[in-house]
Amino acid sequence: MPNVTTTSNVSPQPDIYFNRQLLARAKPFLIHEIPAQKARQPDQESDQMRWRRIQNLPTATVPLSEGVPPAGSKLNVVDQTVKLSQYGDFLTVSDKVQYIVKSPTLNDNMPVLAQQLGETMDEITRSVLESTASIYNCQYGTNGNTPTEITAKDCSEVVKQLKGADAIMYEPVIPGEARDGTQPVRSSFWLLGHTDVEVDLEEIPAFLPASKYSDSRRVMTGEVGQIRNLRILLSSLGSITAGSPDVYNLFACGRDAYGTVEHSTGTISHIFNDAKSGGTSNPLWQYSTQGWKAFFAAKILNDSWLINMRATLDA
């Protein structure tokens, strides 16, 4: 038998083929800014924004006396002020990475930084929502916890509270169409929570999944469905208070219940510093940086229009 050279005699090349198609990253839905009243701070004005609400006038039920003018009323206003803060982060990339790595690292970094920016704003807004003074503990479930799992009756109670406070629903509705298996969606408040709660929601007979909306084009990012007058947005970044058991914070809100502020010119900046721009701090041009910076703030504008609906999971 002739001599045969095999891989035991000649080692394979140590190099590995690099697949330039990057693997997908986890991208949670960013839901907490969706219902907010969004404002922009003008340039060179201030680092604070003030909202003002004019209170309703009392009714005038006393008959007028002939020829005698009444005392009249005066306006009362409620102001809400928030201070914008700067947030940001960056990556440092060595020149060697750019010389020897086959993927375009600087380009690949941009969507990662953009996602970090979005999640940062979402988390800041979520933290503000967690500070609301209006709390409702679900009580009509059967899991034996306090609070219980979410039920249709709990949803009705929260809607009743919001309506009793004259909270304004979000428009537009999704009208019905002549399509089998679909239903219209009525004017609603928003309910924001964690994806863990979706299983319990689907067990509620009154739950209308978003897949059965009469017009799927109007489904919002992270929207899973509707119960009563609540359209529901869920995300893996939803609020949880750790404990035994964990308590899930679901925020039911009317229009203008809370707001977010961005700066008109300083809101979002993508900042790239070439290796050659560092001067004596980077004398051998050994690294470059890329990052983001933003002005941002979030504020509750009316606590009675924002309710933390607290629930646990069904056993």
C-alpha atoms as a PDB file:
ATOM      1  CA  MET A   1       0.000   0.000   0.000  1.00  0.00           C
ATOM      2  CA  PRO A   2       1.447   3.418  -0.933  1.00  0.00           C
ATOM      3  CA  ASN A   3       2.201   5.979   1.714  1.00  0.00           C
ATOM      4  CA  VAL A   4      -0.758   8.329   2.242  1.00  0.00           C
ATOM      5  CA  THR A   5      -0.423  11.735   3.799  1.00  0.00           C
ATOM      6  CA  THR A   6      -3.329  12.365   6.143  1.00  0.00           C
ATOM      7  CA  THR A   7      -4.357  15.110   8.543  1.00  0.00           C
ATOM      8  CA  SER A   8      -2.451  13.255  11.254  1.00  0.00           C
ATOM      9  CA  ASN A   9       0.722  14.138   9.352  1.00  0.00           C
ATOM     10  CA  VAL A  10      -0.246  17.636   8.287  1.00  0.00           C
ATOM     11  CA  SER A  11      -2.158  19.756  10.769  1.00  0.00           C
ATOM     12  CA  PRO A  12      -5.039  21.840   9.394  1.00  0.00           C
ATOM     13  CA  GLN A  13      -4.555  25.559   9.078  1.00  0.00           C
ATOM     14  CA  PRO A  14      -5.304  27.264  12.404  1.00  0.00           C
ATOM     15  CA  ASP A  15      -7.281  30.052  10.747  1.00  0.00           C
ATOM     16  CA  ILE A  16     -11.096  29.922  11.034  1.00  0.00           C
ATOM     17  CA  TYR A  17     -13.490  31.291   8.471  1.00  0.00           C
ATOM     18  CA  PHE A  18     -15.248  34.351   9.886  1.00  0.00           C
ATOM     19  CA  ASN A  19     -18.939  34.681   9.129  1.00  0.00           C
ATOM     20  CA  ARG A  20     -19.482  38.406   8.611  1.00  0.00           C
ATOM     21  CA  GLN A  21     -23.222  38.087   9.262  1.00  0.00           C
ATOM     22  CA  LEU A  22     -23.471  39.028  12.928  1.00  0.00           C
ATOM     23  CA  LEU A  23     -25.766  37.015  15.159  1.00  0.00           C
ATOM     24  CA  ALA A  24     -28.992  38.674  16.241  1.00  0.00           C
ATOM     25  CA  ARG A  25     -28.950  40.540  19.533  1.00  0.00           C
ATOM     26  CA  ALA A  26     -31.770  40.607  22.044  1.00  0.00           C
ATOM     27  CA  LYS A  27     -33.817  43.715  21.273  1.00  0.00           C
ATOM     28  CA  PRO A  28     -36.566  44.295  23.839  1.00  0.00           C
ATOM     29  CA  PHE A  29     -39.569  46.408  22.929  1.00  0.00           C
ATOM     30  CA  LEU A  30     -39.204  50.001  24.118  1.00  0.00           C
ATOM     31  CA  ILE A  31     -42.749  50.726  25.287  1.00  0.00           C
ATOM     32  CA  HIS A  32     -42.536  53.197  28.145  1.00  0.00           C
ATOM     33  CA  GLU A  33     -42.291  56.334  26.012  1.00  0.00           C
ATOM     34  CA  ILE A  34     -45.102  55.381  23.626  1.00  0.00           C
ATOM     35  CA  PRO A  35     -48.021  56.917  25.631  1.00  0.00           C
ATOM     36  CA  ALA A  36     -46.005  59.906  26.895  1.00  0.00           C
ATOM     37  CA  GLN A  37     -46.678  63.478  25.908  1.00  0.00           C
ATOM     38  CA  LYS A  38     -43.468  64.186  24.010  1.00  0.00           C
ATOM     39  CA  ALA A  39     -41.930  67.661  24.164  1.00  0.00           C
ATOM     40  CA  ARG A  40     -38.782  69.280  22.826  1.00  0.00           C
ATOM     41  CA  GLN A  41     -36.784  71.894  24.697  1.00  0.00           C
ATOM     42  CA  PRO A  42     -35.771  74.836  22.456  1.00  0.00           C
ATOM     43  CA  ASP A  43     -32.083  75.542  22.036  1.00  0.00           C
ATOM     44  CA  GLN A  44     -30.396  78.030  24.377  1.00  0.00           C
ATOM     45  CA  GLU A  45     -33.436  78.456  26.587  1.00  0.00           C
ATOM     46  CA  SER A  46     -32.955  76.481  29.797  1.00  0.00           C
ATOM     47  CA  ASP A  47     -32.237  73.023  31.164  1.00  0.00           C
ATOM     48  CA  GLN A  48     -35.760  72.920  32.647  1.00  0.00           C
ATOM     49  CA  MET A  49     -39.230  72.574  31.155  1.00  0.00           C
ATOM     50  CA  ARG A  50     -42.508  73.561  32.751  1.00  0.00           C
ATOM     51  CA  TRP A  51     -45.945  72.213  31.876  1.00  0.00           C
ATOM     52  CA  ARG A  52     -49.057  74.095  32.974  1.00  0.00           C
ATOM     53  CA  ARG A  53     -52.594  72.823  33.421  1.00  0.00           C
ATOM     54  CA  ILE A  54     -55.516  75.207  33.951  1.00  0.00           C
ATOM     55  CA  GLN A  55     -57.967  73.797  36.476  1.00  0.00           C
ATOM     56  CA  ASN A  56     -61.656  73.554  35.612  1.00  0.00           C
ATOM     57  CA  LEU A  57     -63.848  76.366  36.873  1.00  0.00           C
ATOM     58  CA  PRO A  58     -66.514  75.501  39.449  1.00  0.00           C
ATOM     59  CA  THR A  59     -70.067  75.334  38.168  1.00  0.00           C
ATOM     60  CA  ALA A  60     -72.201  78.463  38.522  1.00  0.00           C
ATOM     61  CA  THR A  61     -75.520  77.145  39.863  1.00  0.00           C
ATOM     62  CA  VAL A  62     -76.685  80.211  41.830  1.00  0.00           C
ATOM     63  CA  PRO A  63     -79.257  82.283  39.918  1.00  0.00           C
ATOM     64  CA  LEU A  64     -78.199  85.811  39.048  1.00  0.00           C
ATOM     65  CA  SER A  65     -79.856  88.674  40.854  1.00  0.00           C
ATOM     66  CA  GLU A  66     -81.304  91.224  38.524  1.00  0.00           C
ATOM     67  CA  GLY A  67     -78.887  94.056  37.910  1.00  0.00           C
ATOM     68  CA  VAL A  68     -76.252  92.610  40.264  1.00  0.00           C
ATOM     69  CA  PRO A  69     -73.121  91.110  38.672  1.00  0.00           C
ATOM     70  CA  PRO A  70     -71.725  88.008  40.383  1.00  0.00           C
ATOM     71  CA  ALA A  71     -68.334  87.954  42.075  1.00  0.00           C
ATOM     72  CA  GLY A  72     -66.853  86.024  39.164  1.00  0.00           C
ATOM     73  CA  SER A  73     -64.205  83.340  39.238  1.00  0.00           C
ATOM     74  CA  LYS A  74     -60.446  83.269  38.928  1.00  0.00           C
ATOM     75  CA  LEU A  75     -58.220  80.813  37.179  1.00  0.00           C
ATOM     76  CA  ASN A  76     -56.164  78.269  39.087  1.00  0.00           C
ATOM     77  CA  VAL A  77     -53.186  76.615  37.442  1.00  0.00           C
ATOM     78  CA  VAL A  78     -51.012  73.605  38.275  1.00  0.00           C
ATOM     79  CA  ASP A  79     -47.396  73.655  37.119  1.00  0.00           C
ATOM     80  CA  GLN A  80     -45.120  70.652  36.653  1.00  0.00           C
ATOM     81  CA  THR A  81     -41.411  71.299  36.164  1.00  0.00           C
ATOM     82  CA  VAL A  82     -38.646  68.885  35.201  1.00  0.00           C
ATOM     83  CA  LYS A  83     -34.916  69.345  34.759  1.00  0.00           C
ATOM     84  CA  LEU A  84     -33.185  67.753  31.799  1.00  0.00           C
ATOM     85  CA  SER A  85     -30.037  65.742  32.443  1.00  0.00           C
ATOM     86  CA  GLN A  86     -27.312  64.517  30.119  1.00  0.00           C
ATOM     87  CA  TYR A  87     -26.674  60.829  29.605  1.00  0.00           C
ATOM     88  CA  GLY A  88     -24.111  59.062  27.458  1.00  0.00           C
ATOM     89  CA  ASP A  89     -21.581  56.302  26.961  1.00  0.00           C
ATOM     90  CA  PHE A  90     -18.839  55.359  24.509  1.00  0.00           C
ATOM     91  CA  LEU A  91     -16.661  52.530  23.232  1.00  0.00           C
ATOM     92  CA  THR A  92     -12.894  52.627  22.783  1.00  0.00           C
ATOM     93  CA  VAL A  93     -11.551  50.650  19.822  1.00  0.00           C
ATOM     94  CA  SER A  94      -7.848  50.025  19.313  1.00  0.00           C
ATOM     95  CA  ASP A  95      -6.194  50.532  15.939  1.00  0.00           C
ATOM     96  CA  LYS A  96      -5.170  46.884  15.903  1.00  0.00           C
ATOM     97  CA  VAL A  97      -8.816  45.806  15.909  1.00  0.00           C
ATOM     98  CA  GLN A  98      -9.440  47.870  12.799  1.00  0.00           C
ATOM     99  CA  TYR A  99      -6.329  46.453  11.104  1.00  0.00           C
ATOM    100  CA  ILE A 100      -6.842  42.718  11.679  1.00  0.00           C
ATOM    101  CA  VAL A 101     -10.531  42.016  12.387  1.00  0.00           C
ATOM    102  CA  LYS A 102     -12.434  41.153   9.235  1.00  0.00           C
ATOM    103  CA  SER A 103     -15.759  42.683  10.236  1.00  0.00           C
ATOM    104  CA  PRO A 104     -16.265  46.476  10.010  1.00  0.00           C
ATOM    105  CA  THR A 105     -16.147  46.955  13.775  1.00  0.00           C
ATOM    106  CA  LEU A 106     -16.913  50.665  13.866  1.00  0.00           C
ATOM    107  CA  ASN A 107     -19.985  50.202  11.671  1.00  0.00           C
ATOM    108  CA  ASP A 108     -21.113  47.193  13.714  1.00  0.00           C
ATOM    109  CA  ASN A 109     -20.866  49.234  16.905  1.00  0.00           C
ATOM    110  CA  MET A 110     -23.336  51.910  15.806  1.00  0.00           C
ATOM    111  CA  PRO A 111     -26.567  49.877  16.147  1.00  0.00           C
ATOM    112  CA  VAL A 112     -25.331  48.522  19.487  1.00  0.00           C
ATOM    113  CA  LEU A 113     -24.841  52.053  20.805  1.00  0.00           C
ATOM    114  CA  ALA A 114     -28.195  53.144  19.378  1.00  0.00           C
ATOM    115  CA  GLN A 115     -29.925  50.296  21.186  1.00  0.00           C
ATOM    116  CA  GLN A 116     -28.164  51.244  24.419  1.00  0.00           C
ATOM    117  CA  LEU A 117     -29.432  54.799  23.998  1.00  0.00           C
ATOM    118  CA  GLY A 118     -33.020  53.641  23.440  1.00  0.00           C
ATOM    119  CA  GLU A 119     -32.998  51.271  26.392  1.00  0.00           C
ATOM    120  CA  THR A 120     -31.521  53.994  28.613  1.00  0.00           C
ATOM    121  CA  MET A 121     -34.373  56.404  27.827  1.00  0.00           C
ATOM    122  CA  ASP A 122     -36.920  53.631  28.271  1.00  0.00           C
ATOM    123  CA  GLU A 123     -35.519  52.667  31.682  1.00  0.00           C
ATOM    124  CA  ILE A 124     -35.429  56.291  32.884  1.00  0.00           C
ATOM    125  CA  THR A 125     -39.081  56.707  31.898  1.00  0.00           C
ATOM    126  CA  ARG A 126     -40.040  53.407  33.552  1.00  0.00           C
ATOM    127  CA  SER A 127     -38.390  54.518  36.818  1.00  0.00           C
ATOM    128  CA  VAL A 128     -40.473  57.703  36.788  1.00  0.00           C
ATOM    129  CA  LEU A 129     -43.674  55.695  36.264  1.00  0.00           C
ATOM    130  CA  GLU A 130     -42.741  53.529  39.254  1.00  0.00           C
ATOM    131  CA  SER A 131     -42.884  56.630  41.459  1.00  0.00           C
ATOM    132  CA  THR A 132     -46.603  57.244  40.916  1.00  0.00           C
ATOM    133  CA  ALA A 133     -48.635  57.679  44.087  1.00  0.00           C
ATOM    134  CA  SER A 134     -51.701  55.988  42.561  1.00  0.00           C
ATOM    135  CA  ILE A 135     -51.616  52.246  43.267  1.00  0.00           C
ATOM    136  CA  TYR A 136     -54.177  49.512  42.693  1.00  0.00           C
ATOM    137  CA  ASN A 137     -53.582  45.966  43.954  1.00  0.00           C
ATOM    138  CA  CYS A 138     -55.289  43.249  41.917  1.00  0.00           C
ATOM    139  CA  GLN A 139     -57.750  41.477  44.221  1.00  0.00           C
ATOM    140  CA  TYR A 140     -60.130  39.334  42.196  1.00  0.00           C
ATOM    141  CA  GLY A 141     -57.753  36.516  41.238  1.00  0.00           C
ATOM    142  CA  THR A 142     -57.508  33.094  42.829  1.00  0.00           C
ATOM    143  CA  ASN A 143     -53.778  32.532  43.407  1.00  0.00           C
ATOM    144  CA  GLY A 144     -53.993  33.465  47.096  1.00  0.00           C
ATOM    145  CA  ASN A 145     -51.416  36.252  46.916  1.00  0.00           C
ATOM    146  CA  THR A 146     -51.731  39.929  47.769  1.00  0.00           C
ATOM    147  CA  PRO A 147     -51.976  41.246  45.114  1.00  0.00           C
ATOM    148  CA  THR A 148     -53.525  38.442  43.063  1.00  0.00           C
ATOM    149  CA  GLU A 149     -53.120  37.712  39.379  1.00  0.00           C
ATOM    150  CA  ILE A 150     -54.760  40.174  36.987  1.00  0.00           C
ATOM    151  CA  THR A 151     -58.407  39.586  36.079  1.00  0.00           C
ATOM    152  CA  ALA A 152     -61.026  41.255  33.885  1.00  0.00           C
ATOM    153  CA  LYS A 153     -62.719  42.686  36.990  1.00  0.00           C
ATOM    154  CA  ASP A 154     -59.436  44.248  38.116  1.00  0.00           C
ATOM    155  CA  CYS A 155     -59.101  45.847  34.692  1.00  0.00           C
ATOM    156  CA  SER A 156     -62.642  47.196  34.981  1.00  0.00           C
ATOM    157  CA  GLU A 157     -61.875  48.683  38.409  1.00  0.00           C
ATOM    158  CA  VAL A 158     -58.805  50.494  37.095  1.00  0.00           C
ATOM    159  CA  VAL A 159     -60.699  51.795  34.070  1.00  0.00           C
ATOM    160  CA  LYS A 160     -63.453  53.002  36.418  1.00  0.00           C
ATOM    161  CA  GLN A 161     -60.895  54.903  38.518  1.00  0.00           C
ATOM    162  CA  LEU A 162     -59.371  56.556  35.463  1.00  0.00           C
ATOM    163  CA  LYS A 163     -62.781  57.501  34.089  1.00  0.00           C
ATOM    164  CA  GLY A 164     -63.788  58.815  37.525  1.00  0.00           C
ATOM    165  CA  ALA A 165     -60.738  61.093  37.431  1.00  0.00           C
ATOM    166  CA  ASP A 166     -61.786  62.299  33.952  1.00  0.00           C
ATOM    167  CA  ALA A 167     -58.637  60.839  32.402  1.00  0.00           C
ATOM    168  CA  ILE A 168     -58.595  61.211  28.628  1.00  0.00           C
ATOM    169  CA  MET A 169     -58.481  58.105  26.445  1.00  0.00           C
ATOM    170  CA  TYR A 170     -56.167  57.733  23.494  1.00  0.00           C
ATOM    171  CA  GLU A 171     -57.415  58.023  19.943  1.00  0.00           C
ATOM    172  CA  PRO A 172     -57.991  56.891  17.321  1.00  0.00           C
ATOM    173  CA  VAL A 173     -60.076  53.800  17.731  1.00  0.00           C
ATOM    174  CA  ILE A 174     -59.635  50.901  15.313  1.00  0.00           C
ATOM    175  CA  PRO A 175     -62.998  50.606  13.535  1.00  0.00           C
ATOM    176  CA  GLY A 176     -64.540  47.306  12.544  1.00  0.00           C
ATOM    177  CA  GLU A 177     -64.199  45.826   9.086  1.00  0.00           C
ATOM    178  CA  ALA A 178     -65.926  43.020   7.239  1.00  0.00           C
ATOM    179  CA  ARG A 179     -63.218  40.471   7.997  1.00  0.00           C
ATOM    180  CA  ASP A 180     -63.951  37.131   9.621  1.00  0.00           C
ATOM    181  CA  GLY A 181     -62.556  36.607  13.104  1.00  0.00           C
ATOM    182  CA  THR A 182     -61.623  40.258  13.750  1.00  0.00           C
ATOM    183  CA  GLN A 183     -63.081  42.853  16.101  1.00  0.00           C
ATOM    184  CA  PRO A 184     -62.958  46.642  16.375  1.00  0.00           C
ATOM    185  CA  VAL A 185     -60.871  48.281  19.106  1.00  0.00           C
ATOM    186  CA  ARG A 186     -62.531  51.039  21.090  1.00  0.00           C
ATOM    187  CA  SER A 187     -61.011  54.144  22.626  1.00  0.00           C
ATOM    188  CA  SER A 188     -58.679  53.044  25.379  1.00  0.00           C
ATOM    189  CA  PHE A 189     -56.169  53.859  28.025  1.00  0.00           C
ATOM    190  CA  TRP A 190     -52.748  52.231  27.735  1.00  0.00           C
ATOM    191  CA  LEU A 191     -51.526  49.503  30.099  1.00  0.00           C
ATOM    192  CA  LEU A 192     -47.747  48.921  30.164  1.00  0.00           C
ATOM    193  CA  GLY A 193     -46.157  45.862  31.746  1.00  0.00           C
ATOM    194  CA  HIS A 194     -43.791  42.911  31.606  1.00  0.00           C
ATOM    195  CA  THR A 195     -44.040  40.082  29.093  1.00  0.00           C
ATOM    196  CA  ASP A 196     -44.348  37.536  31.940  1.00  0.00           C
ATOM    197  CA  VAL A 197     -47.935  38.711  32.461  1.00  0.00           C
ATOM    198  CA  GLU A 198     -49.027  37.785  28.939  1.00  0.00           C
ATOM    199  CA  VAL A 199     -49.886  34.183  29.854  1.00  0.00           C
ATOM    200  CA  ASP A 200     -52.323  35.362  32.532  1.00  0.00           C
ATOM    201  CA  LEU A 201     -53.841  37.927  30.181  1.00  0.00           C
ATOM    202  CA  GLU A 202     -54.530  35.264  27.579  1.00  0.00           C
ATOM    203  CA  GLU A 203     -56.542  33.299  30.156  1.00  0.00           C
ATOM    204  CA  ILE A 204     -59.013  36.173  30.584  1.00  0.00           C
ATOM    205  CA  PRO A 205     -62.118  35.577  28.419  1.00  0.00           C
ATOM    206  CA  ALA A 206     -62.443  39.307  27.685  1.00  0.00           C
ATOM    207  CA  PHE A 207     -58.920  39.506  26.248  1.00  0.00           C
ATOM    208  CA  LEU A 208     -58.801  40.465  22.558  1.00  0.00           C
ATOM    209  CA  PRO A 209     -55.379  39.568  21.069  1.00  0.00           C
ATOM    210  CA  ALA A 210     -53.817  42.096  18.727  1.00  0.00           C
ATOM    211  CA  SER A 211     -53.808  39.448  15.989  1.00  0.00           C
ATOM    212  CA  LYS A 212     -57.604  39.794  15.902  1.00  0.00           C
ATOM    213  CA  TYR A 213     -57.733  43.566  15.577  1.00  0.00           C
ATOM    214  CA  SER A 214     -59.713  44.616  12.537  1.00  0.00           C
ATOM    215  CA  ASP A 215     -56.718  46.619  11.255  1.00  0.00           C
ATOM    216  CA  SER A 216     -53.332  45.102  12.106  1.00  0.00           C
ATOM    217  CA  ARG A 217     -51.553  48.141  10.650  1.00  0.00           C
ATOM    218  CA  ARG A 218     -52.481  50.113  13.754  1.00  0.00           C
ATOM    219  CA  VAL A 219     -50.906  47.707  16.232  1.00  0.00           C
ATOM    220  CA  MET A 220     -48.191  49.457  18.237  1.00  0.00           C
ATOM    221  CA  THR A 221     -44.726  48.096  19.010  1.00  0.00           C
ATOM    222  CA  GLY A 222     -45.094  45.589  21.849  1.00  0.00           C
ATOM    223  CA  GLU A 223     -48.895  45.624  21.760  1.00  0.00           C
ATOM    224  CA  VAL A 224     -50.419  42.246  22.629  1.00  0.00           C
ATOM    225  CA  GLY A 225     -54.122  43.014  22.858  1.00  0.00           C
ATOM    226  CA  GLN A 226     -56.982  44.755  24.637  1.00  0.00           C
ATOM    227  CA  ILE A 227     -59.135  44.161  27.737  1.00  0.00           C
ATOM    228  CA  ARG A 228     -62.106  46.422  28.359  1.00  0.00           C
ATOM    229  CA  ASN A 229     -60.795  49.957  27.703  1.00  0.00           C
ATOM    230  CA  LEU A 230     -57.133  49.005  28.134  1.00  0.00           C
ATOM    231  CA  ARG A 231     -54.792  48.458  25.203  1.00  0.00           C
ATOM    232  CA  ILE A 232     -51.795  46.518  26.474  1.00  0.00           C
ATOM    233  CA  LEU A 233     -48.090  47.001  25.714  1.00  0.00           C
ATOM    234  CA  LEU A 234     -45.636  44.437  27.083  1.00  0.00           C
ATOM    235  CA  SER A 235     -41.831  44.287  27.122  1.00  0.00           C
ATOM    236  CA  SER A 236     -39.104  42.261  28.790  1.00  0.00           C
ATOM    237  CA  LEU A 237     -38.058  45.633  30.248  1.00  0.00           C
ATOM    238  CA  GLY A 238     -41.372  45.944  32.098  1.00  0.00           C
ATOM    239  CA  SER A 239     -41.354  46.797  35.778  1.00  0.00           C
ATOM    240  CA  ILE A 240     -40.981  44.085  38.452  1.00  0.00           C
ATOM    241  CA  THR A 241     -40.668  44.496  42.205  1.00  0.00           C
ATOM    242  CA  ALA A 242     -38.600  41.512  43.348  1.00  0.00           C
ATOM    243  CA  GLY A 243     -39.988  39.470  46.212  1.00  0.00           C
ATOM    244  CA  SER A 244     -41.634  36.199  47.189  1.00  0.00           C
ATOM    245  CA  PRO A 245     -43.541  36.268  44.936  1.00  0.00           C
ATOM    246  CA  ASP A 246     -42.423  38.938  42.462  1.00  0.00           C
ATOM    247  CA  VAL A 247     -44.926  41.752  41.980  1.00  0.00           C
ATOM    248  CA  TYR A 248     -45.488  43.030  38.448  1.00  0.00           C
ATOM    249  CA  ASN A 249     -46.154  46.740  38.043  1.00  0.00           C
ATOM    250  CA  LEU A 250     -48.534  47.484  35.181  1.00  0.00           C
ATOM    251  CA  PHE A 251     -49.024  51.168  34.449  1.00  0.00           C
ATOM    252  CA  ALA A 252     -52.495  52.216  33.297  1.00  0.00           C
ATOM    253  CA  CYS A 253     -52.447  55.745  31.939  1.00  0.00           C
ATOM    254  CA  GLY A 254     -54.555  58.348  30.208  1.00  0.00           C
ATOM    255  CA  ARG A 255     -53.374  60.933  27.717  1.00  0.00           C
ATOM    256  CA  ASP A 256     -51.009  63.548  29.181  1.00  0.00           C
ATOM    257  CA  ALA A 257     -50.583  61.522  32.381  1.00  0.00           C
ATOM    258  CA  TYR A 258     -46.823  61.860  31.975  1.00  0.00           C
ATOM    259  CA  GLY A 259     -44.375  63.444  29.598  1.00  0.00           C
ATOM    260  CA  THR A 260     -40.868  63.127  28.252  1.00  0.00           C
ATOM    261  CA  VAL A 261     -38.588  65.929  27.113  1.00  0.00           C
ATOM    262  CA  GLU A 262     -35.789  65.895  24.583  1.00  0.00           C
ATOM    263  CA  HIS A 263     -33.560  68.795  23.615  1.00  0.00           C
ATOM    264  CA  SER A 264     -34.115  70.239  20.154  1.00  0.00           C
ATOM    265  CA  THR A 265     -30.411  70.234  19.212  1.00  0.00           C
ATOM    266  CA  GLY A 266     -28.671  68.346  22.000  1.00  0.00           C
ATOM    267  CA  THR A 267     -31.045  65.406  22.238  1.00  0.00           C
ATOM    268  CA  ILE A 268     -28.984  62.753  20.514  1.00  0.00           C
ATOM    269  CA  SER A 269     -25.434  63.081  19.298  1.00  0.00           C
ATOM    270  CA  HIS A 270     -23.376  60.318  17.730  1.00  0.00           C
ATOM    271  CA  ILE A 271     -19.790  61.227  18.562  1.00  0.00           C
ATOM    272  CA  PHE A 272     -16.842  59.681  16.736  1.00  0.00           C
ATOM    273  CA  ASN A 273     -13.271  60.634  17.584  1.00  0.00           C
ATOM    274  CA  ASP A 274     -10.748  59.424  15.037  1.00  0.00           C
ATOM    275  CA  ALA A 275      -7.464  58.110  16.411  1.00  0.00           C
ATOM    276  CA  LYS A 276      -5.687  61.121  14.923  1.00  0.00           C
ATOM    277  CA  SER A 277      -7.814  63.595  16.872  1.00  0.00           C
ATOM    278  CA  GLY A 278      -6.463  62.763  20.329  1.00  0.00           C
ATOM    279  CA  GLY A 279      -3.305  64.853  20.222  1.00  0.00           C
ATOM    280  CA  THR A 280      -0.808  64.139  22.993  1.00  0.00           C
ATOM    281  CA  SER A 281      -3.366  61.972  24.839  1.00  0.00           C
ATOM    282  CA  ASN A 282      -3.178  59.488  21.957  1.00  0.00           C
ATOM    283  CA  PRO A 283       0.330  60.142  20.586  1.00  0.00           C
ATOM    284  CA  LEU A 284       0.639  56.915  18.578  1.00  0.00           C
ATOM    285  CA  TRP A 285      -2.920  56.948  17.198  1.00  0.00           C
ATOM    286  CA  GLN A 286      -3.629  53.688  18.982  1.00  0.00           C
ATOM    287  CA  TYR A 287      -7.377  54.004  19.543  1.00  0.00           C
ATOM    288  CA  SER A 288     -10.521  55.791  18.441  1.00  0.00           C
ATOM    289  CA  THR A 289     -13.779  56.295  20.324  1.00  0.00           C
ATOM    290  CA  GLN A 290     -17.425  56.341  19.360  1.00  0.00           C
ATOM    291  CA  GLY A 291     -20.379  57.018  21.575  1.00  0.00           C
ATOM    292  CA  TRP A 292     -23.592  58.924  22.177  1.00  0.00           C
ATOM    293  CA  LYS A 293     -24.809  61.755  24.369  1.00  0.00           C
ATOM    294  CA  ALA A 294     -28.336  62.973  25.008  1.00  0.00           C
ATOM    295  CA  PHE A 295     -30.413  65.439  27.033  1.00  0.00           C
ATOM    296  CA  PHE A 296     -33.533  63.778  28.431  1.00  0.00           C
ATOM    297  CA  ALA A 297     -36.110  63.910  31.211  1.00  0.00           C
ATOM    298  CA  ALA A 298     -39.426  62.279  32.148  1.00  0.00           C
ATOM    299  CA  LYS A 299     -42.108  63.577  34.522  1.00  0.00           C
ATOM    300  CA  ILE A 300     -45.499  62.505  35.886  1.00  0.00           C
ATOM    301  CA  LEU A 301     -47.949  65.266  34.994  1.00  0.00           C
ATOM    302  CA  ASN A 302     -51.099  63.971  36.693  1.00  0.00           C
ATOM    303  CA  ASP A 303     -50.940  61.188  39.280  1.00  0.00           C
ATOM    304  CA  SER A 304     -54.674  60.560  39.148  1.00  0.00           C
ATOM    305  CA  TRP A 305     -54.384  59.698  35.445  1.00  0.00           C
ATOM    306  CA  LEU A 306     -51.593  57.152  36.035  1.00  0.00           C
ATOM    307  CA  ILE A 307     -52.227  54.029  38.126  1.00  0.00           C
ATOM    308  CA  ASN A 308     -49.728  51.349  39.067  1.00  0.00           C
ATOM    309  CA  MET A 309     -51.790  48.178  38.730  1.00  0.00           C
ATOM    310  CA  ARG A 310     -49.859  45.642  40.812  1.00  0.00           C
ATOM    311  CA  ALA A 311     -50.251  41.913  40.146  1.00  0.00           C
ATOM    312  CA  THR A 312     -48.599  38.567  40.756  1.00  0.00           C
ATOM    313  CA  LEU A 313     -48.640  35.600  38.405  1.00  0.00           C
ATOM    314  CA  ASP A 314     -51.167  32.819  38.431  1.00  0.00           C
ATOM    315  CA  ALA A 315     -49.892  29.682  40.143  1.00  0.00           C
END
